[in-house]
Amino acid sequence: MRLIRPLGFLLSTIGIIVISYVSIDTFRIINLLSKGETTKGLIISEKLIQFDGKKYYIYSVEYEVDGFEYSIQTKNNSSKKKYAIGELLSIYYDSNNPSHAIINNRSEIYNALFIGYSISLLISGVGFLFIIKTRFVVNFFNSFKSLE
């Protein structure tokens, strides 16, 4: 019982840190989509990664701003082959720092944000539950001991 409340504080803190990170990333993405400059990027390569029996594609894209070349990889890996090498994609970039860029694929962006917020809220919620309902959590874990 003594460790549950500190564990709750730890989980809550981790959840808040993750929420903060996702919020900063969300702000950066929204800022790039609304105020960023656009250019076309060329898919130069794809990499197929297998993990737990599933296939994921990661695409590398090169784009040019003011005569300088930059590259970016797809942020969210896709289990389906979405693009072809040589295909052009819309890139949003920060005019003050062109290396800060995103590929304009709103569905992947929104999915990543949803997953990030969901995970961080789950971690925080469990942490707050541990803090507030310590006796409930202890009884819950003790119920598993009685099954042995």
C-alpha atoms as a PDB file:
ATOM      1  CA  MET A   1       0.000   0.000   0.000  1.00  0.00           C
ATOM      2  CA  ARG A   2       2.914   2.313   0.636  1.00  0.00           C
ATOM      3  CA  LEU A   3       4.147   2.060  -2.954  1.00  0.00           C
ATOM      4  CA  ILE A   4       0.816   2.645  -4.682  1.00  0.00           C
ATOM      5  CA  ARG A   5       0.545   6.372  -3.990  1.00  0.00           C
ATOM      6  CA  PRO A   6       4.152   7.117  -5.128  1.00  0.00           C
ATOM      7  CA  LEU A   7       3.531   4.950  -8.195  1.00  0.00           C
ATOM      8  CA  GLY A   8       0.430   7.052  -8.845  1.00  0.00           C
ATOM      9  CA  PHE A   9       2.453  10.252  -8.645  1.00  0.00           C
ATOM     10  CA  LEU A  10       5.058   8.773 -10.997  1.00  0.00           C
ATOM     11  CA  LEU A  11       2.467   7.664 -13.568  1.00  0.00           C
ATOM     12  CA  SER A  12       0.650  10.991 -13.354  1.00  0.00           C
ATOM     13  CA  THR A  13       3.887  12.895 -13.877  1.00  0.00           C
ATOM     14  CA  ILE A  14       4.833  10.726 -16.865  1.00  0.00           C
ATOM     15  CA  GLY A  15       1.362  11.222 -18.322  1.00  0.00           C
ATOM     16  CA  ILE A  16       1.563  14.999 -17.899  1.00  0.00           C
ATOM     17  CA  ILE A  17       5.000  15.070 -19.530  1.00  0.00           C
ATOM     18  CA  VAL A  18       3.703  13.035 -22.484  1.00  0.00           C
ATOM     19  CA  ILE A  19       0.639  15.310 -22.785  1.00  0.00           C
ATOM     20  CA  SER A  20       2.960  18.324 -22.805  1.00  0.00           C
ATOM     21  CA  TYR A  21       5.153  16.810 -25.513  1.00  0.00           C
ATOM     22  CA  VAL A  22       2.153  15.854 -27.664  1.00  0.00           C
ATOM     23  CA  SER A  23       0.658  19.337 -27.156  1.00  0.00           C
ATOM     24  CA  ILE A  24       3.881  21.027 -28.264  1.00  0.00           C
ATOM     25  CA  ASP A  25       4.052  18.711 -31.285  1.00  0.00           C
ATOM     26  CA  THR A  26       0.389  19.462 -32.044  1.00  0.00           C
ATOM     27  CA  PHE A  27       1.041  23.205 -31.904  1.00  0.00           C
ATOM     28  CA  ARG A  28       4.042  22.810 -34.234  1.00  0.00           C
ATOM     29  CA  ILE A  29       2.026  20.769 -36.722  1.00  0.00           C
ATOM     30  CA  ILE A  30      -0.946  23.143 -36.688  1.00  0.00           C
ATOM     31  CA  ASN A  31       1.412  26.088 -37.076  1.00  0.00           C
ATOM     32  CA  LEU A  32       3.130  24.466 -40.075  1.00  0.00           C
ATOM     33  CA  LEU A  33      -0.182  23.541 -41.714  1.00  0.00           C
ATOM     34  CA  SER A  34      -1.668  27.008 -41.243  1.00  0.00           C
ATOM     35  CA  LYS A  35       1.337  29.332 -41.593  1.00  0.00           C
ATOM     36  CA  GLY A  36       4.033  27.215 -43.202  1.00  0.00           C
ATOM     37  CA  GLU A  37       5.327  27.492 -46.725  1.00  0.00           C
ATOM     38  CA  THR A  38       4.670  24.675 -49.159  1.00  0.00           C
ATOM     39  CA  THR A  39       6.839  22.925 -51.666  1.00  0.00           C
ATOM     40  CA  LYS A  40       6.900  19.603 -53.440  1.00  0.00           C
ATOM     41  CA  GLY A  41       9.011  16.745 -52.170  1.00  0.00           C
ATOM     42  CA  LEU A  42      10.211  13.774 -54.175  1.00  0.00           C
ATOM     43  CA  ILE A  43      10.053  10.274 -52.717  1.00  0.00           C
ATOM     44  CA  ILE A  44      13.577   8.935 -53.110  1.00  0.00           C
ATOM     45  CA  SER A  45      13.375   5.656 -51.226  1.00  0.00           C
ATOM     46  CA  GLU A  46      11.220   3.308 -49.255  1.00  0.00           C
ATOM     47  CA  LYS A  47      12.229   0.955 -46.514  1.00  0.00           C
ATOM     48  CA  LEU A  48      10.247  -2.127 -45.575  1.00  0.00           C
ATOM     49  CA  ILE A  49      10.504  -3.048 -41.908  1.00  0.00           C
ATOM     50  CA  GLN A  50       9.038  -6.209 -40.410  1.00  0.00           C
ATOM     51  CA  PHE A  51       8.119  -6.167 -36.750  1.00  0.00           C
ATOM     52  CA  ASP A  52       6.038  -8.795 -34.958  1.00  0.00           C
ATOM     53  CA  GLY A  53       5.126 -10.335 -38.293  1.00  0.00           C
ATOM     54  CA  LYS A  54       3.767  -7.054 -39.663  1.00  0.00           C
ATOM     55  CA  LYS A  55       5.200  -5.014 -42.511  1.00  0.00           C
ATOM     56  CA  TYR A  56       5.703  -1.264 -42.273  1.00  0.00           C
ATOM     57  CA  TYR A  57       6.810   1.140 -44.988  1.00  0.00           C
ATOM     58  CA  ILE A  58       8.898   4.214 -44.265  1.00  0.00           C
ATOM     59  CA  TYR A  59       9.416   6.700 -47.076  1.00  0.00           C
ATOM     60  CA  SER A  60      12.274   9.170 -47.458  1.00  0.00           C
ATOM     61  CA  VAL A  61      11.403  12.420 -49.192  1.00  0.00           C
ATOM     62  CA  GLU A  62      13.747  15.140 -50.461  1.00  0.00           C
ATOM     63  CA  TYR A  63      12.676  18.721 -51.018  1.00  0.00           C
ATOM     64  CA  GLU A  64      14.424  21.942 -51.947  1.00  0.00           C
ATOM     65  CA  VAL A  65      14.111  25.396 -50.402  1.00  0.00           C
ATOM     66  CA  ASP A  66      16.127  28.381 -51.669  1.00  0.00           C
ATOM     67  CA  GLY A  67      18.607  26.106 -53.439  1.00  0.00           C
ATOM     68  CA  PHE A  68      19.274  23.910 -50.384  1.00  0.00           C
ATOM     69  CA  GLU A  69      18.190  20.282 -50.239  1.00  0.00           C
ATOM     70  CA  TYR A  70      16.475  18.814 -47.189  1.00  0.00           C
ATOM     71  CA  SER A  71      15.080  15.385 -46.430  1.00  0.00           C
ATOM     72  CA  ILE A  72      12.314  14.041 -44.256  1.00  0.00           C
ATOM     73  CA  GLN A  73      10.909  10.612 -43.503  1.00  0.00           C
ATOM     74  CA  THR A  74       7.280   9.723 -43.134  1.00  0.00           C
ATOM     75  CA  LYS A  75       6.487  10.097 -39.464  1.00  0.00           C
ATOM     76  CA  ASN A  76       3.873   7.399 -39.225  1.00  0.00           C
ATOM     77  CA  ASN A  77       4.754   4.105 -40.757  1.00  0.00           C
ATOM     78  CA  SER A  78       2.143   2.541 -42.981  1.00  0.00           C
ATOM     79  CA  SER A  79       1.366  -1.143 -43.241  1.00  0.00           C
ATOM     80  CA  LYS A  80       0.239  -0.549 -46.822  1.00  0.00           C
ATOM     81  CA  LYS A  81       2.371   0.678 -49.669  1.00  0.00           C
ATOM     82  CA  LYS A  82       1.056   4.235 -50.101  1.00  0.00           C
ATOM     83  CA  TYR A  83       3.517   5.914 -52.413  1.00  0.00           C
ATOM     84  CA  ALA A  84       5.773   5.118 -55.327  1.00  0.00           C
ATOM     85  CA  ILE A  85       9.410   6.145 -55.628  1.00  0.00           C
ATOM     86  CA  GLY A  86       9.513   9.294 -57.755  1.00  0.00           C
ATOM     87  CA  GLU A  87       6.080  10.472 -56.595  1.00  0.00           C
ATOM     88  CA  LEU A  88       5.703  14.120 -55.549  1.00  0.00           C
ATOM     89  CA  LEU A  89       4.175  15.015 -52.175  1.00  0.00           C
ATOM     90  CA  SER A  90       3.197  18.317 -50.604  1.00  0.00           C
ATOM     91  CA  ILE A  91       5.611  19.393 -47.890  1.00  0.00           C
ATOM     92  CA  TYR A  92       4.872  22.116 -45.325  1.00  0.00           C
ATOM     93  CA  TYR A  93       7.953  23.744 -43.847  1.00  0.00           C
ATOM     94  CA  ASP A  94       8.936  26.594 -41.548  1.00  0.00           C
ATOM     95  CA  SER A  95      10.334  29.442 -43.657  1.00  0.00           C
ATOM     96  CA  ASN A  96      12.705  30.401 -40.807  1.00  0.00           C
ATOM     97  CA  ASN A  97      13.963  26.830 -40.479  1.00  0.00           C
ATOM     98  CA  PRO A  98      13.191  24.742 -43.593  1.00  0.00           C
ATOM     99  CA  SER A  99      14.459  21.558 -41.934  1.00  0.00           C
ATOM    100  CA  HIS A 100      11.330  21.660 -39.738  1.00  0.00           C
ATOM    101  CA  ALA A 101       8.806  20.160 -42.100  1.00  0.00           C
ATOM    102  CA  ILE A 102       5.943  17.716 -42.332  1.00  0.00           C
ATOM    103  CA  ILE A 103       4.443  15.728 -45.154  1.00  0.00           C
ATOM    104  CA  ASN A 104       0.883  16.802 -45.817  1.00  0.00           C
ATOM    105  CA  ASN A 105      -0.966  13.656 -44.899  1.00  0.00           C
ATOM    106  CA  ARG A 106      -3.613  14.876 -42.487  1.00  0.00           C
ATOM    107  CA  SER A 107      -5.073  11.469 -41.673  1.00  0.00           C
ATOM    108  CA  GLU A 108      -1.690  10.162 -40.489  1.00  0.00           C
ATOM    109  CA  ILE A 109      -1.082  13.353 -38.513  1.00  0.00           C
ATOM    110  CA  TYR A 110      -4.464  13.175 -36.790  1.00  0.00           C
ATOM    111  CA  ASN A 111      -4.051   9.456 -36.052  1.00  0.00           C
ATOM    112  CA  ALA A 112      -0.665  10.064 -34.431  1.00  0.00           C
ATOM    113  CA  LEU A 113      -2.049  12.908 -32.308  1.00  0.00           C
ATOM    114  CA  PHE A 114      -5.059  10.837 -31.267  1.00  0.00           C
ATOM    115  CA  ILE A 115      -2.839   7.933 -30.225  1.00  0.00           C
ATOM    116  CA  GLY A 116      -0.452  10.263 -28.370  1.00  0.00           C
ATOM    117  CA  TYR A 117      -3.229  11.970 -26.419  1.00  0.00           C
ATOM    118  CA  SER A 118      -4.990   8.668 -25.710  1.00  0.00           C
ATOM    119  CA  ILE A 119      -1.888   7.023 -24.283  1.00  0.00           C
ATOM    120  CA  SER A 120      -0.937  10.035 -22.180  1.00  0.00           C
ATOM    121  CA  LEU A 121      -4.473  10.418 -20.795  1.00  0.00           C
ATOM    122  CA  LEU A 122      -4.591   6.704 -19.975  1.00  0.00           C
ATOM    123  CA  ILE A 123      -1.272   6.876 -18.097  1.00  0.00           C
ATOM    124  CA  SER A 124      -2.343  10.017 -16.226  1.00  0.00           C
ATOM    125  CA  GLY A 125      -5.764   8.557 -15.437  1.00  0.00           C
ATOM    126  CA  VAL A 126      -4.288   5.388 -13.969  1.00  0.00           C
ATOM    127  CA  GLY A 127      -1.832   7.502 -11.979  1.00  0.00           C
ATOM    128  CA  PHE A 128      -4.581   9.723 -10.576  1.00  0.00           C
ATOM    129  CA  LEU A 129      -6.665   6.638  -9.774  1.00  0.00           C
ATOM    130  CA  PHE A 130      -3.719   5.252  -7.803  1.00  0.00           C
ATOM    131  CA  ILE A 131      -3.412   8.534  -5.901  1.00  0.00           C
ATOM    132  CA  ILE A 132      -7.093   9.097  -5.166  1.00  0.00           C
ATOM    133  CA  LYS A 133      -8.369   5.551  -4.741  1.00  0.00           C
ATOM    134  CA  THR A 134      -5.418   3.895  -3.028  1.00  0.00           C
ATOM    135  CA  ARG A 135      -7.624   1.538  -1.008  1.00  0.00           C
ATOM    136  CA  PHE A 136      -9.580   0.555  -4.144  1.00  0.00           C
ATOM    137  CA  VAL A 137      -6.371  -0.228  -6.025  1.00  0.00           C
ATOM    138  CA  VAL A 138      -4.974  -2.268  -3.117  1.00  0.00           C
ATOM    139  CA  ASN A 139      -8.190  -4.307  -2.931  1.00  0.00           C
ATOM    140  CA  PHE A 140      -8.090  -4.793  -6.705  1.00  0.00           C
ATOM    141  CA  PHE A 141      -4.549  -6.199  -6.610  1.00  0.00           C
ATOM    142  CA  ASN A 142      -5.328  -8.286  -3.506  1.00  0.00           C
ATOM    143  CA  SER A 143      -8.220  -9.898  -5.374  1.00  0.00           C
ATOM    144  CA  PHE A 144      -5.648 -11.457  -7.715  1.00  0.00           C
ATOM    145  CA  LYS A 145      -3.726 -12.891  -4.758  1.00  0.00           C
ATOM    146  CA  SER A 146      -6.858 -14.666  -3.584  1.00  0.00           C
ATOM    147  CA  LEU A 147      -7.102 -16.413  -6.964  1.00  0.00           C
ATOM    148  CA  GLU A 148      -3.762 -18.157  -6.432  1.00  0.00           C
END
